[in-house]
């Protein structure tokens, strides 16, 4: 998953999109039922998380940083 802002798709109020969209976005991906922990690698950074249950389904929920490269989710357990 990659989070990028398309500079041609909106008014930037005289500022580059990289200044307007520089905060992490929370992402939730559905994962198989047996997952309980996972890691996310984005650029050089790797973080570990516990999965979340929402309405009986298992999700990997994490923060993805715009313009920081692909976020790769990997099962840890």
C-alpha atoms as a PDB file:
ATOM      1  CA  UNK A   1       0.000   0.000   0.000  1.00  0.00           C
ATOM      2  CA  UNK A   2       1.330   3.433  -0.902  1.00  0.00           C
ATOM      3  CA  UNK A   3      -0.059   6.756   0.340  1.00  0.00           C
ATOM      4  CA  UNK A   4       0.645   9.590  -2.072  1.00  0.00           C
ATOM      5  CA  UNK A   5      -1.099  12.842  -2.912  1.00  0.00           C
ATOM      6  CA  UNK A   6      -1.796  13.683  -6.537  1.00  0.00           C
ATOM      7  CA  UNK A   7      -0.789  17.323  -6.954  1.00  0.00           C
ATOM      8  CA  UNK A   8      -3.070  17.677  -9.978  1.00  0.00           C
ATOM      9  CA  UNK A   9      -6.237  16.748  -8.088  1.00  0.00           C
ATOM     10  CA  UNK A  10      -6.932  19.704  -5.854  1.00  0.00           C
ATOM     11  CA  UNK A  11      -6.392  23.285  -4.790  1.00  0.00           C
ATOM     12  CA  UNK A  12      -3.254  23.621  -2.684  1.00  0.00           C
ATOM     13  CA  UNK A  13      -3.726  27.232  -1.561  1.00  0.00           C
ATOM     14  CA  UNK A  14      -0.278  28.136  -2.855  1.00  0.00           C
ATOM     15  CA  UNK A  15       1.517  25.384  -0.902  1.00  0.00           C
ATOM     16  CA  UNK A  16       2.950  22.053  -2.075  1.00  0.00           C
ATOM     17  CA  UNK A  17       0.891  18.948  -1.260  1.00  0.00           C
ATOM     18  CA  UNK A  18       3.823  17.580   0.746  1.00  0.00           C
ATOM     19  CA  UNK A  19       3.267  20.435   3.222  1.00  0.00           C
ATOM     20  CA  UNK A  20      -0.513  19.967   3.364  1.00  0.00           C
ATOM     21  CA  UNK A  21      -0.438  16.160   3.717  1.00  0.00           C
ATOM     22  CA  UNK A  22       2.451  15.327   6.028  1.00  0.00           C
ATOM     23  CA  UNK A  23       0.661  13.452   8.818  1.00  0.00           C
ATOM     24  CA  UNK A  24       0.251   9.699   9.104  1.00  0.00           C
ATOM     25  CA  UNK A  25      -3.056   8.186   8.025  1.00  0.00           C
ATOM     26  CA  UNK A  26      -4.644   5.292   9.899  1.00  0.00           C
ATOM     27  CA  UNK A  27      -5.131   2.321   7.587  1.00  0.00           C
ATOM     28  CA  UNK A  28      -7.146  -0.813   8.307  1.00  0.00           C
ATOM     29  CA  UNK A  29      -6.647  -3.956   6.172  1.00  0.00           C
ATOM     30  CA  UNK A  30      -8.617  -7.152   6.689  1.00  0.00           C
ATOM     31  CA  UNK A  31      -6.323 -10.122   7.411  1.00  0.00           C
ATOM     32  CA  UNK A  32      -6.947 -13.871   7.883  1.00  0.00           C
ATOM     33  CA  UNK A  33      -8.637 -14.918  11.123  1.00  0.00           C
ATOM     34  CA  UNK A  34      -5.522 -16.639  12.553  1.00  0.00           C
ATOM     35  CA  UNK A  35      -3.404 -13.478  12.669  1.00  0.00           C
ATOM     36  CA  UNK A  36      -2.805 -11.920  16.097  1.00  0.00           C
ATOM     37  CA  UNK A  37       0.385  -9.863  15.501  1.00  0.00           C
ATOM     38  CA  UNK A  38       1.883  -8.255  12.430  1.00  0.00           C
ATOM     39  CA  UNK A  39       4.627  -5.868  11.379  1.00  0.00           C
ATOM     40  CA  UNK A  40       4.566  -2.977   8.941  1.00  0.00           C
ATOM     41  CA  UNK A  41       7.673  -1.955   7.029  1.00  0.00           C
ATOM     42  CA  UNK A  42       7.586   1.467   5.388  1.00  0.00           C
ATOM     43  CA  UNK A  43      10.902   2.718   4.125  1.00  0.00           C
ATOM     44  CA  UNK A  44      13.537   1.937   6.774  1.00  0.00           C
ATOM     45  CA  UNK A  45      11.047   1.831   9.646  1.00  0.00           C
ATOM     46  CA  UNK A  46       9.495  -1.400  10.936  1.00  0.00           C
ATOM     47  CA  UNK A  47       6.837  -1.489  13.655  1.00  0.00           C
ATOM     48  CA  UNK A  48       4.965  -4.374  15.303  1.00  0.00           C
ATOM     49  CA  UNK A  49       1.266  -4.282  16.202  1.00  0.00           C
ATOM     50  CA  UNK A  50      -1.526  -6.491  17.528  1.00  0.00           C
ATOM     51  CA  UNK A  51      -4.469  -7.118  15.209  1.00  0.00           C
ATOM     52  CA  UNK A  52      -7.904  -5.708  16.028  1.00  0.00           C
ATOM     53  CA  UNK A  53     -11.304  -7.343  15.974  1.00  0.00           C
ATOM     54  CA  UNK A  54     -14.113  -5.278  14.485  1.00  0.00           C
ATOM     55  CA  UNK A  55     -17.576  -6.830  14.240  1.00  0.00           C
ATOM     56  CA  UNK A  56     -16.025 -10.312  14.406  1.00  0.00           C
ATOM     57  CA  UNK A  57     -13.456  -9.728  11.657  1.00  0.00           C
ATOM     58  CA  UNK A  58      -9.670  -9.453  12.084  1.00  0.00           C
ATOM     59  CA  UNK A  59      -7.852  -6.345  10.866  1.00  0.00           C
ATOM     60  CA  UNK A  60      -4.318  -5.032  10.684  1.00  0.00           C
ATOM     61  CA  UNK A  61      -4.602  -1.378  11.716  1.00  0.00           C
ATOM     62  CA  UNK A  62      -1.561   0.894  11.474  1.00  0.00           C
ATOM     63  CA  UNK A  63      -0.382   4.371  10.507  1.00  0.00           C
ATOM     64  CA  UNK A  64       0.952   4.933   6.984  1.00  0.00           C
ATOM     65  CA  UNK A  65       3.018   8.047   6.255  1.00  0.00           C
ATOM     66  CA  UNK A  66       2.382   9.862   2.943  1.00  0.00           C
ATOM     67  CA  UNK A  67       5.326   9.924   0.513  1.00  0.00           C
ATOM     68  CA  UNK A  68       7.346   7.439   2.634  1.00  0.00           C
ATOM     69  CA  UNK A  69       7.139   4.494   0.244  1.00  0.00           C
ATOM     70  CA  UNK A  70       5.214   1.263   0.218  1.00  0.00           C
ATOM     71  CA  UNK A  71       3.816  -0.069   3.524  1.00  0.00           C
ATOM     72  CA  UNK A  72       4.226  -3.853   3.679  1.00  0.00           C
ATOM     73  CA  UNK A  73       2.185  -5.859   6.220  1.00  0.00           C
ATOM     74  CA  UNK A  74       3.658  -9.188   7.397  1.00  0.00           C
ATOM     75  CA  UNK A  75       2.253 -11.732   9.834  1.00  0.00           C
ATOM     76  CA  UNK A  76       4.394 -12.207  12.972  1.00  0.00           C
ATOM     77  CA  UNK A  77       2.728 -15.130  14.772  1.00  0.00           C
END
